[in-house]
Amino acid sequence: MKNLEPRLLWNFFHQITQIPRPSKKEERILAFVKQVATENNLPYVEDAVGNLVIRKAASPGYENHPGVILQSHVDMVCEKNADTEFNFDTDAIQAYIDGDWIKAKGTTLGADNGIGMAMALSVLSSSNLKHPALECLFTVDEETGLTGAFALETGLLKGEVLINLDSEDDGEVFIGCAGGIGTKATFGYKKETTPHGMFAFRVEVSGLKGGHSGGDIHLGLANALKLLAGYLGKLTETMPVHLEQIKGGNLHNAIPREAGAVVAVPYAEKETIRVILNVYLADVEAQYKETEPGLKISLSSVEAPAEVIDKATTDRLIAALNACPHGVMAMSTDMPGLVETSTNLASVKMDDATITIVTSQRSMGEAGKKEIADKVFEVFKNAGAEVEQNDGYPGWKPNLNSRILTITREAYKTLFGQDPAIKAIHAGLECGLFLEKYPQLDMVSVGPQMYGVHSPDEKLSIASTQKSWAWLVEILKNS
């Protein structure tokens, strides 16, 4: 990778992949960024939560131009395949080149947002670029709730223009994003002695693509938890079902790729569970034949557990998971093809006393966000769970008269002979939160082509990254 051009950019990205940087554990990557600043004799400031700003003076002749902020986040989503041995707290990402793509072996690559960081560091380390006064803002803990952006101090930034480097689509300029909120439900449960004469088995959903719960929600991908709940719901229609354990998904902003449960049913139903699975699997394979060719639902017998979750909680939990909405709820009437409102059933985790379900809701408007969040809230409240919602985060309303949008569009046209696409994104960006603290900001978001972010299928286009770098240089020259 270090031999790719431009070498400065790819060398930075390579170094970033070698530094563990899970959300909330960004100390090592921040130390690296500070080291780059020190090596280039550039001043930096850090706020109370760790957000870092590095400043670089304007090029000669650009002293009176509006200051520009280049923004990226330093943490990454840590997802791996079930059969991959990897510790995100200690291990370096094993990146490799496959044609035009940079990929990782069995894990997320971290191009989201490592490549944005690499671009910012390359600008800071370059001596031959033309640009206004620069501030490079590196925020922490973006992936687990935008907490770095939430806590960004007022008065820290001086620039009037902000270029967010966290987009994932070639030749597209994003000028708006969805707001979001999280809804969490907790079921308390008691353990009961497993009834006599039970057949126990493990059911596992696997082979799904997963992906970003905002940017990929419109692709018709399967949700492993919904498939698992659907099968369990089919069983409850014909037989008593006892759960010993259930789990699936991981992060609030990722569509679950895998889910599983250990289930006990009367021994007489041993063959029926497979018949029901065969019928159910045929239906879901037909539904997802285009989007999820690797879909698998498997059964394997296990030793009957001594205890199971109490029957009342099991029934309420399965019913609630089936009733919980997931996917696109509405499309935008203002921007064709843009998802207006969606919700993601993200994870189910349990301990010795509770089962916790995490969901996230997104909408381009506050009213839509509240409506779908309230609906999810009521589903779990009516099922007897304790339900809570976080404060959420605001969206970013598009401004088609933006000065930096005009500059960005013209720079692309100059370099590539055509206009870029102007879009809003259904995923949450930090830009909405920046506007709350710095309402004067004029903003766009750009970045190279990536696919499969937030999953081990994540890959970054080499050619698109080279193109995006040239575009950023041209934008700065004309800002």
Protein backbone atom coordinates (compact mmCIF):
# COMPACT_ATOMS: atom_id res chain seq x y z
CA MET A 1 0.00 0.00 0.00
CA LYS A 2 2.83 2.41 0.84
CA ASN A 3 3.99 2.26 -2.81
CA LEU A 4 0.71 3.64 -4.15
CA GLU A 5 0.47 7.24 -5.30
CA PRO A 6 0.33 9.74 -3.77
CA ARG A 7 2.76 8.07 -1.41
CA LEU A 8 2.31 10.58 1.40
CA LEU A 9 -1.43 9.85 1.56
CA TRP A 10 -1.14 6.06 1.40
CA ASN A 11 1.72 6.01 3.88
CA PHE A 12 -0.47 7.85 6.38
CA PHE A 13 -3.37 5.49 5.77
CA HIS A 14 -1.11 2.48 6.24
CA GLN A 15 0.19 3.86 9.53
CA ILE A 16 -3.36 4.52 10.70
CA THR A 17 -4.37 0.90 10.02
CA GLN A 18 -1.50 -0.25 12.26
CA ILE A 19 -2.78 1.67 15.29
CA PRO A 20 -5.69 0.17 17.30
CA ARG A 21 -8.44 2.78 17.58
CA PRO A 22 -11.75 1.43 18.85
CA SER A 23 -14.29 4.01 19.91
CA LYS A 24 -13.51 5.35 23.40
CA LYS A 25 -9.97 3.95 23.14
CA GLU A 26 -8.40 6.54 20.83
CA GLU A 27 -5.37 7.49 22.92
CA ARG A 28 -2.83 5.86 20.59
CA ILE A 29 -4.22 7.33 17.38
CA LEU A 30 -4.46 10.80 18.95
CA ALA A 31 -0.83 10.49 20.06
CA PHE A 32 0.10 9.68 16.47
CA VAL A 33 -1.79 12.72 15.14
CA LYS A 34 -0.07 14.96 17.70
CA GLN A 35 3.27 13.51 16.63
CA VAL A 36 2.55 14.50 13.02
CA ALA A 37 1.72 18.03 14.17
CA THR A 38 4.94 18.27 16.18
CA GLU A 39 7.05 16.97 13.30
CA ASN A 40 5.60 19.70 11.08
CA ASN A 41 5.94 22.44 13.73
CA LEU A 42 2.19 22.97 13.77
CA PRO A 43 0.32 24.10 16.89
CA TYR A 44 -2.58 22.07 18.22
CA VAL A 45 -5.21 22.34 20.91
CA GLU A 46 -7.29 19.65 22.58
CA ASP A 47 -10.62 19.97 24.32
CA ALA A 48 -11.80 18.18 27.47
CA VAL A 49 -13.01 15.01 25.70
CA GLY A 50 -10.03 14.66 23.39
CA ASN A 51 -11.15 16.37 20.18
CA LEU A 52 -7.99 17.67 18.55
CA VAL A 53 -7.47 20.74 16.34
CA ILE A 54 -4.23 21.29 14.41
CA ARG A 55 -3.71 24.71 12.81
CA LYS A 56 -1.73 25.61 9.71
CA ALA A 57 -1.18 29.13 8.40
CA ALA A 58 -2.56 30.24 5.03
CA SER A 59 -0.44 29.97 1.90
CA PRO A 60 0.97 33.27 0.58
CA GLY A 61 -1.88 35.23 -1.02
CA TYR A 62 -4.60 33.33 0.87
CA GLU A 63 -4.30 35.20 4.16
CA ASN A 64 -7.61 37.04 3.69
CA HIS A 65 -9.63 34.06 2.48
CA PRO A 66 -12.19 32.48 4.83
CA GLY A 67 -10.56 29.86 7.04
CA VAL A 68 -11.23 26.20 6.19
CA ILE A 69 -11.74 23.34 8.64
CA LEU A 70 -10.98 19.79 7.46
CA GLN A 71 -12.82 17.35 9.71
CA SER A 72 -12.56 13.60 10.26
CA HIS A 73 -13.10 11.23 13.17
CA VAL A 74 -10.37 9.06 14.64
CA ASP A 75 -12.28 5.98 15.84
CA MET A 76 -13.42 3.00 13.79
CA VAL A 77 -16.13 0.35 13.90
CA CYS A 78 -14.67 -2.91 15.19
CA GLU A 79 -16.44 -5.82 13.49
CA LYS A 80 -14.97 -9.20 12.58
CA ASN A 81 -16.14 -12.48 11.16
CA ALA A 82 -17.03 -15.13 13.74
CA ASP A 83 -14.15 -17.35 12.63
CA THR A 84 -11.54 -14.56 12.69
CA GLU A 85 -9.09 -14.41 15.61
CA PHE A 86 -8.49 -10.71 16.19
CA ASN A 87 -8.20 -8.29 19.12
CA PHE A 88 -9.12 -4.74 18.13
CA ASP A 89 -7.50 -3.39 21.31
CA THR A 90 -4.06 -4.68 20.38
CA ASP A 91 -3.85 -5.93 16.80
CA ALA A 92 -3.01 -4.05 13.60
CA ILE A 93 -5.51 -4.28 10.75
CA GLN A 94 -4.30 -6.77 8.13
CA ALA A 95 -4.93 -4.72 5.02
CA TYR A 96 -4.23 -5.99 1.52
CA ILE A 97 -4.74 -4.96 -2.10
CA ASP A 98 -7.21 -6.77 -4.33
CA GLY A 99 -7.26 -5.12 -7.74
CA ASP A 100 -8.54 -1.57 -7.22
CA TRP A 101 -9.59 -2.29 -3.64
CA ILE A 102 -7.99 -2.08 -0.23
CA LYS A 103 -9.55 -4.73 2.03
CA ALA A 104 -8.88 -6.27 5.44
CA LYS A 105 -8.57 -9.93 6.38
CA GLY A 106 -11.74 -10.85 8.26
CA THR A 107 -12.29 -7.46 9.92
CA THR A 108 -13.45 -3.97 9.20
CA LEU A 109 -10.78 -1.97 7.37
CA GLY A 110 -11.31 1.34 9.15
CA ALA A 111 -11.25 3.41 5.97
CA ASP A 112 -14.27 4.93 7.68
CA ASN A 113 -12.79 7.36 8.64
CA GLY A 114 -9.12 6.49 8.45
CA ILE A 115 -8.82 7.71 4.87
CA GLY A 116 -10.31 11.07 5.88
CA MET A 117 -7.70 11.33 8.60
CA ALA A 118 -4.97 10.43 6.10
CA MET A 119 -6.12 13.19 3.74
CA ALA A 120 -6.11 15.79 6.52
CA LEU A 121 -2.66 14.72 7.72
CA SER A 122 -1.37 14.82 4.14
CA VAL A 123 -2.58 18.40 3.75
CA LEU A 124 -0.90 19.35 7.02
CA SER A 125 2.37 17.67 5.98
CA SER A 126 2.50 19.06 2.43
CA SER A 127 4.55 22.16 1.66
CA ASN A 128 3.40 22.81 -1.90
CA LEU A 129 -0.39 23.13 -1.58
CA LYS A 130 -2.31 26.40 -1.88
CA HIS A 131 -4.93 26.96 0.78
CA PRO A 132 -6.48 29.43 3.24
CA ALA A 133 -5.76 29.22 6.95
CA LEU A 134 -6.48 25.62 7.94
CA GLU A 135 -7.76 23.87 10.99
CA CYS A 136 -7.85 20.08 10.95
CA LEU A 137 -10.41 18.83 13.43
CA PHE A 138 -10.09 15.21 14.59
CA THR A 139 -13.10 14.17 16.64
CA VAL A 140 -13.34 11.21 19.00
CA ASP A 141 -15.99 8.54 19.53
CA GLU A 142 -18.05 9.23 16.43
CA GLU A 143 -19.14 5.66 15.84
CA THR A 144 -20.82 5.01 19.18
CA GLY A 145 -22.97 8.11 19.39
CA LEU A 146 -21.13 11.18 18.02
CA THR A 147 -20.06 11.96 21.57
CA GLY A 148 -16.96 13.86 20.51
CA ALA A 149 -19.01 16.18 18.32
CA PHE A 150 -21.62 16.53 21.07
CA ALA A 151 -18.96 17.70 23.51
CA LEU A 152 -17.01 19.90 21.07
CA GLU A 153 -16.22 23.13 22.86
CA THR A 154 -17.46 26.46 21.55
CA GLY A 155 -14.68 28.90 20.70
CA LEU A 156 -12.32 26.11 19.66
CA LEU A 157 -12.76 26.63 15.91
CA LYS A 158 -12.12 29.86 14.02
CA GLY A 159 -12.84 28.90 10.39
CA GLU A 160 -15.96 29.77 8.43
CA VAL A 161 -15.97 26.75 6.08
CA LEU A 162 -15.99 23.09 7.07
CA ILE A 163 -15.19 20.18 4.74
CA ASN A 164 -16.23 16.89 6.30
CA LEU A 165 -14.10 14.01 4.95
CA ASP A 166 -16.40 11.21 6.10
CA SER A 167 -18.42 10.46 2.95
CA GLU A 168 -18.18 7.17 1.07
CA ASP A 169 -19.35 7.83 -2.49
CA ASP A 170 -17.23 8.77 -5.49
CA GLY A 171 -18.13 11.99 -7.28
CA GLU A 172 -20.82 13.01 -4.81
CA VAL A 173 -21.11 16.07 -2.59
CA PHE A 174 -23.24 15.73 0.50
CA ILE A 175 -24.96 18.82 1.83
CA GLY A 176 -27.30 17.34 4.43
CA CYS A 177 -27.71 14.38 6.76
CA ALA A 178 -30.27 12.69 8.93
CA GLY A 179 -30.73 13.22 12.62
CA GLY A 180 -30.99 10.21 14.87
CA ILE A 181 -32.04 8.83 18.23
CA GLY A 182 -31.52 5.55 20.06
CA THR A 183 -34.21 3.49 21.76
CA LYS A 184 -33.12 0.79 24.22
CA ALA A 185 -35.40 -1.81 25.80
CA THR A 186 -34.52 -4.04 28.75
CA PHE A 187 -36.40 -7.15 29.76
CA GLY A 188 -35.77 -8.48 33.24
CA TYR A 189 -36.17 -12.24 33.50
CA LYS A 190 -36.06 -15.11 35.95
CA LYS A 191 -34.59 -18.54 35.38
CA GLU A 192 -36.88 -21.53 35.44
CA THR A 193 -36.09 -25.20 35.61
CA THR A 194 -36.26 -26.63 32.11
CA PRO A 195 -39.43 -28.73 31.75
CA HIS A 196 -38.97 -32.50 31.54
CA GLY A 197 -38.73 -34.16 28.13
CA MET A 198 -37.25 -31.28 26.16
CA PHE A 199 -35.24 -31.37 22.94
CA ALA A 200 -32.66 -28.55 22.84
CA PHE A 201 -31.06 -27.04 19.76
CA ARG A 202 -29.10 -24.07 18.61
CA VAL A 203 -30.44 -21.97 15.73
CA GLU A 204 -28.01 -19.65 13.98
CA VAL A 205 -28.51 -17.04 11.28
CA SER A 206 -25.31 -16.26 9.37
CA GLY A 207 -23.87 -15.32 5.99
CA LEU A 208 -25.55 -11.92 5.77
CA LYS A 209 -23.84 -8.82 4.40
CA GLY A 210 -24.69 -6.44 7.23
CA GLY A 211 -23.69 -2.85 6.62
CA HIS A 212 -24.36 0.70 7.77
CA SER A 213 -27.79 1.20 9.27
CA GLY A 214 -28.05 4.60 7.59
CA GLY A 215 -26.18 4.43 4.31
CA ASP A 216 -27.19 0.85 3.49
CA ILE A 217 -30.69 0.68 4.96
CA HIS A 218 -32.32 1.16 1.53
CA LEU A 219 -30.54 -1.81 -0.07
CA GLY A 220 -33.05 -4.41 1.09
CA LEU A 221 -30.52 -6.28 3.19
CA ALA A 222 -31.68 -8.89 5.68
CA ASN A 223 -31.50 -8.32 9.43
CA ALA A 224 -30.27 -11.44 11.24
CA LEU A 225 -32.30 -10.64 14.37
CA LYS A 226 -35.50 -10.21 12.41
CA LEU A 227 -34.91 -13.53 10.65
CA LEU A 228 -34.20 -15.26 13.95
CA ALA A 229 -37.28 -13.75 15.58
CA GLY A 230 -39.36 -14.71 12.58
CA TYR A 231 -38.38 -18.35 12.89
CA LEU A 232 -38.93 -18.40 16.65
CA GLY A 233 -42.30 -16.78 16.11
CA LYS A 234 -43.27 -19.55 13.69
CA LEU A 235 -42.37 -22.13 16.34
CA THR A 236 -44.52 -20.43 18.98
CA GLU A 237 -47.56 -20.81 16.72
CA THR A 238 -47.49 -24.61 17.07
CA MET A 239 -45.52 -25.51 20.20
CA PRO A 240 -44.25 -24.18 23.56
CA VAL A 241 -40.84 -22.55 23.12
CA HIS A 242 -38.29 -22.10 25.92
CA LEU A 243 -35.25 -19.87 25.36
CA GLU A 244 -32.03 -20.54 27.19
CA GLN A 245 -30.08 -17.78 25.46
CA ILE A 246 -30.41 -15.34 22.58
CA LYS A 247 -28.01 -12.88 21.05
CA GLY A 248 -27.32 -11.07 17.82
CA GLY A 249 -25.88 -7.89 16.36
CA ASN A 250 -23.32 -5.66 18.00
CA LEU A 251 -23.36 -1.94 17.23
CA HIS A 252 -26.32 0.44 17.11
CA ASN A 253 -25.36 1.68 13.64
CA ALA A 254 -24.78 -1.69 11.98
CA ILE A 255 -27.39 -3.97 10.44
CA PRO A 256 -26.98 -7.32 12.27
CA ARG A 257 -25.17 -9.96 10.20
CA GLU A 258 -25.41 -12.84 12.67
CA ALA A 259 -27.80 -13.96 15.40
CA GLY A 260 -28.45 -17.11 17.36
CA ALA A 261 -30.41 -18.72 20.17
CA VAL A 262 -30.49 -21.89 22.22
CA VAL A 263 -34.03 -23.21 22.32
CA ALA A 264 -35.84 -26.08 24.07
CA VAL A 265 -39.09 -27.58 22.76
CA PRO A 266 -40.99 -30.77 23.61
CA TYR A 267 -39.10 -33.80 22.36
CA ALA A 268 -42.08 -34.79 20.21
CA GLU A 269 -41.49 -31.63 18.13
CA LYS A 270 -37.93 -32.60 17.18
CA GLU A 271 -38.79 -33.16 13.53
CA THR A 272 -41.39 -30.39 13.34
CA ILE A 273 -38.82 -27.67 14.05
CA ARG A 274 -36.89 -28.73 10.93
CA VAL A 275 -40.02 -28.86 8.79
CA ILE A 276 -40.94 -25.35 9.93
CA LEU A 277 -37.38 -24.17 9.22
CA ASN A 278 -37.42 -25.63 5.71
CA VAL A 279 -40.63 -23.78 4.86
CA TYR A 280 -39.47 -20.57 6.52
CA LEU A 281 -36.04 -20.69 4.91
CA ALA A 282 -37.53 -21.18 1.46
CA ASP A 283 -39.60 -18.04 1.97
CA VAL A 284 -36.75 -15.83 3.18
CA GLU A 285 -34.33 -17.15 0.54
CA ALA A 286 -36.85 -16.17 -2.11
CA GLN A 287 -37.27 -12.75 -0.49
CA TYR A 288 -33.52 -12.07 -0.29
CA LYS A 289 -32.21 -14.06 -3.26
CA GLU A 290 -30.78 -10.94 -4.91
CA THR A 291 -29.45 -9.10 -1.86
CA GLU A 292 -28.35 -11.95 0.45
CA PRO A 293 -27.06 -14.92 -1.57
CA GLY A 294 -25.03 -16.18 1.42
CA LEU A 295 -27.97 -16.33 3.83
CA LYS A 296 -27.91 -19.39 6.12
CA ILE A 297 -30.13 -20.57 8.97
CA SER A 298 -28.82 -23.70 10.64
CA LEU A 299 -29.97 -26.00 13.42
CA SER A 300 -27.77 -28.18 15.61
CA SER A 301 -28.75 -30.24 18.63
CA VAL A 302 -27.27 -29.39 22.03
CA GLU A 303 -27.56 -30.81 25.51
CA ALA A 304 -30.74 -29.67 27.21
CA PRO A 305 -29.95 -26.81 29.63
CA ALA A 306 -30.83 -27.12 33.31
CA GLU A 307 -32.54 -23.73 33.30
CA VAL A 308 -34.25 -21.48 30.76
CA ILE A 309 -35.63 -17.95 30.64
CA ASP A 310 -39.06 -17.80 32.25
CA LYS A 311 -41.77 -18.64 29.75
CA ALA A 312 -43.67 -15.36 30.08
CA THR A 313 -40.58 -13.28 29.24
CA THR A 314 -39.67 -15.58 26.35
CA ASP A 315 -43.09 -15.16 24.77
CA ARG A 316 -43.10 -11.37 25.24
CA LEU A 317 -39.57 -11.04 23.90
CA ILE A 318 -40.21 -13.06 20.74
CA ALA A 319 -43.44 -11.17 20.08
CA ALA A 320 -41.74 -7.79 20.58
CA LEU A 321 -38.82 -8.62 18.28
CA ASN A 322 -41.27 -9.62 15.58
CA ALA A 323 -43.36 -6.49 16.09
CA CYS A 324 -40.38 -4.14 16.17
CA PRO A 325 -40.16 -2.31 12.83
CA HIS A 326 -36.94 -2.40 10.86
CA GLY A 327 -35.85 -0.76 7.61
CA VAL A 328 -37.08 2.15 5.51
CA MET A 329 -40.23 3.80 6.84
CA ALA A 330 -40.50 6.70 4.36
CA MET A 331 -38.71 8.19 1.35
CA SER A 332 -37.98 11.89 0.89
CA THR A 333 -40.38 13.95 -1.19
CA ASP A 334 -37.74 16.70 -1.64
CA MET A 335 -34.76 14.70 -2.91
CA PRO A 336 -35.64 11.65 -5.05
CA GLY A 337 -33.99 8.44 -3.90
CA LEU A 338 -33.18 9.73 -0.42
CA VAL A 339 -34.47 7.79 2.57
CA GLU A 340 -36.47 10.13 4.78
CA THR A 341 -37.04 7.91 7.84
CA SER A 342 -35.77 4.51 8.94
CA THR A 343 -35.18 2.33 11.98
CA ASN A 344 -32.68 -0.42 12.78
CA LEU A 345 -33.14 -3.35 15.17
CA ALA A 346 -29.45 -3.41 16.03
CA SER A 347 -28.62 -5.88 18.79
CA VAL A 348 -29.88 -8.25 21.46
CA LYS A 349 -27.55 -9.05 24.35
CA MET A 350 -28.20 -10.78 27.65
CA ASP A 351 -26.64 -11.32 31.05
CA ASP A 352 -27.75 -13.32 34.08
CA ALA A 353 -30.76 -11.11 34.79
CA THR A 354 -31.58 -8.95 31.78
CA ILE A 355 -31.99 -8.99 28.02
CA THR A 356 -31.18 -5.69 26.31
CA ILE A 357 -32.36 -4.68 22.85
CA VAL A 358 -30.74 -1.72 21.13
CA THR A 359 -32.40 0.06 18.22
CA SER A 360 -31.70 3.30 16.35
CA GLN A 361 -34.00 5.62 14.44
CA ARG A 362 -33.08 8.18 11.79
CA SER A 363 -34.94 10.87 9.88
CA MET A 364 -34.13 13.94 7.83
CA GLY A 365 -36.72 15.84 9.92
CA GLU A 366 -37.36 16.06 13.63
CA ALA A 367 -41.04 15.11 13.26
CA GLY A 368 -40.24 11.90 11.39
CA LYS A 369 -37.55 10.99 13.89
CA LYS A 370 -39.93 11.41 16.82
CA GLU A 371 -42.73 9.48 15.13
CA ILE A 372 -40.71 6.34 14.43
CA ALA A 373 -38.90 6.50 17.78
CA ASP A 374 -42.24 6.70 19.59
CA LYS A 375 -43.50 3.69 17.63
CA VAL A 376 -40.50 1.56 18.61
CA PHE A 377 -40.83 2.78 22.20
CA GLU A 378 -44.45 1.64 22.36
CA VAL A 379 -43.69 -1.80 20.91
CA PHE A 380 -41.34 -2.64 23.76
CA LYS A 381 -43.28 -0.79 26.45
CA ASN A 382 -46.39 -2.78 25.57
CA ALA A 383 -44.31 -5.96 25.83
CA GLY A 384 -43.41 -5.11 29.42
CA ALA A 385 -39.84 -3.94 28.90
CA GLU A 386 -38.17 -0.96 30.55
CA VAL A 387 -37.60 1.47 27.67
CA GLU A 388 -35.36 4.52 27.44
CA GLN A 389 -34.29 6.90 24.70
CA ASN A 390 -31.14 8.98 24.42
CA ASP A 391 -31.08 12.67 23.54
CA GLY A 392 -30.41 11.96 19.88
CA TYR A 393 -28.64 14.31 17.52
CA PRO A 394 -29.85 16.88 14.98
CA GLY A 395 -29.81 16.63 11.23
CA TRP A 396 -28.11 19.00 8.79
CA LYS A 397 -30.49 20.89 6.53
CA PRO A 398 -29.26 21.21 2.91
CA ASN A 399 -28.27 24.68 1.64
CA LEU A 400 -28.23 24.75 -2.16
CA ASN A 401 -26.91 28.35 -2.14
CA SER A 402 -23.75 27.42 -0.22
CA ARG A 403 -20.50 29.12 -1.35
CA ILE A 404 -18.36 26.07 -0.56
CA LEU A 405 -20.82 23.91 -2.50
CA THR A 406 -20.27 26.10 -5.56
CA ILE A 407 -16.49 25.87 -5.14
CA THR A 408 -16.64 22.11 -4.65
CA ARG A 409 -18.85 21.61 -7.71
CA GLU A 410 -16.65 23.79 -9.95
CA ALA A 411 -13.45 22.08 -8.74
CA TYR A 412 -14.86 18.70 -9.71
CA LYS A 413 -15.98 19.97 -13.10
CA THR A 414 -12.55 21.49 -13.75
CA LEU A 415 -10.75 18.23 -12.96
CA PHE A 416 -13.14 15.65 -14.40
CA GLY A 417 -15.24 17.46 -16.97
CA GLN A 418 -18.63 16.85 -15.36
CA ASP A 419 -20.72 17.95 -12.41
CA PRO A 420 -20.66 15.90 -9.22
CA ALA A 421 -23.92 14.61 -7.80
CA ILE A 422 -25.35 16.80 -5.05
CA LYS A 423 -26.96 14.72 -2.33
CA ALA A 424 -28.02 14.41 1.26
CA ILE A 425 -27.20 11.27 3.24
CA HIS A 426 -29.45 9.26 5.48
CA ALA A 427 -26.54 8.31 7.72
CA GLY A 428 -25.66 10.57 10.63
CA LEU A 429 -22.75 12.92 10.15
CA GLU A 430 -21.27 15.14 12.80
CA CYS A 431 -22.10 18.25 10.76
CA GLY A 432 -25.49 18.83 12.37
CA LEU A 433 -23.85 19.02 15.78
CA PHE A 434 -21.16 21.38 14.51
CA LEU A 435 -23.87 23.76 13.30
CA GLU A 436 -25.38 23.88 16.78
CA LYS A 437 -22.07 25.11 18.20
CA TYR A 438 -20.90 27.11 15.16
CA PRO A 439 -23.96 28.32 13.22
CA GLN A 440 -21.80 30.37 10.83
CA LEU A 441 -20.28 27.29 9.23
CA ASP A 442 -20.72 26.68 5.49
CA MET A 443 -20.29 22.93 4.98
CA VAL A 444 -19.94 20.10 2.48
CA SER A 445 -18.97 16.45 2.90
CA VAL A 446 -16.87 14.50 0.38
CA GLY A 447 -14.85 11.29 0.27
CA PRO A 448 -13.74 8.34 -1.88
CA GLN A 449 -15.75 5.25 -2.81
CA MET A 450 -16.18 2.63 -0.10
CA TYR A 451 -18.47 -0.35 0.21
CA GLY A 452 -19.46 -2.52 3.16
CA VAL A 453 -18.48 -0.03 5.86
CA HIS A 454 -19.16 -1.22 9.42
CA SER A 455 -18.72 -4.82 8.27
CA PRO A 456 -15.77 -7.11 7.46
CA ASP A 457 -16.67 -6.63 3.78
CA GLU A 458 -15.49 -3.01 3.96
CA LYS A 459 -13.34 -2.01 1.01
CA LEU A 460 -11.83 1.23 -0.27
CA SER A 461 -11.27 2.10 -3.94
CA ILE A 462 -7.67 3.08 -4.75
CA ALA A 463 -8.57 5.00 -7.91
CA SER A 464 -11.39 6.86 -6.21
CA THR A 465 -9.11 7.81 -3.31
CA GLN A 466 -6.57 9.24 -5.73
CA LYS A 467 -9.38 11.15 -7.44
CA SER A 468 -10.73 12.46 -4.11
CA TRP A 469 -7.30 13.67 -3.10
CA ALA A 470 -6.94 15.66 -6.32
CA TRP A 471 -10.43 17.06 -5.76
CA LEU A 472 -9.64 18.17 -2.20
CA VAL A 473 -6.45 19.89 -3.35
CA GLU A 474 -8.41 21.76 -6.04
CA ILE A 475 -11.13 22.77 -3.56
CA LEU A 476 -8.57 24.22 -1.17
CA LYS A 477 -6.81 26.09 -3.99
CA ASN A 478 -10.07 27.80 -4.91
CA SER A 479 -11.42 28.42 -1.40
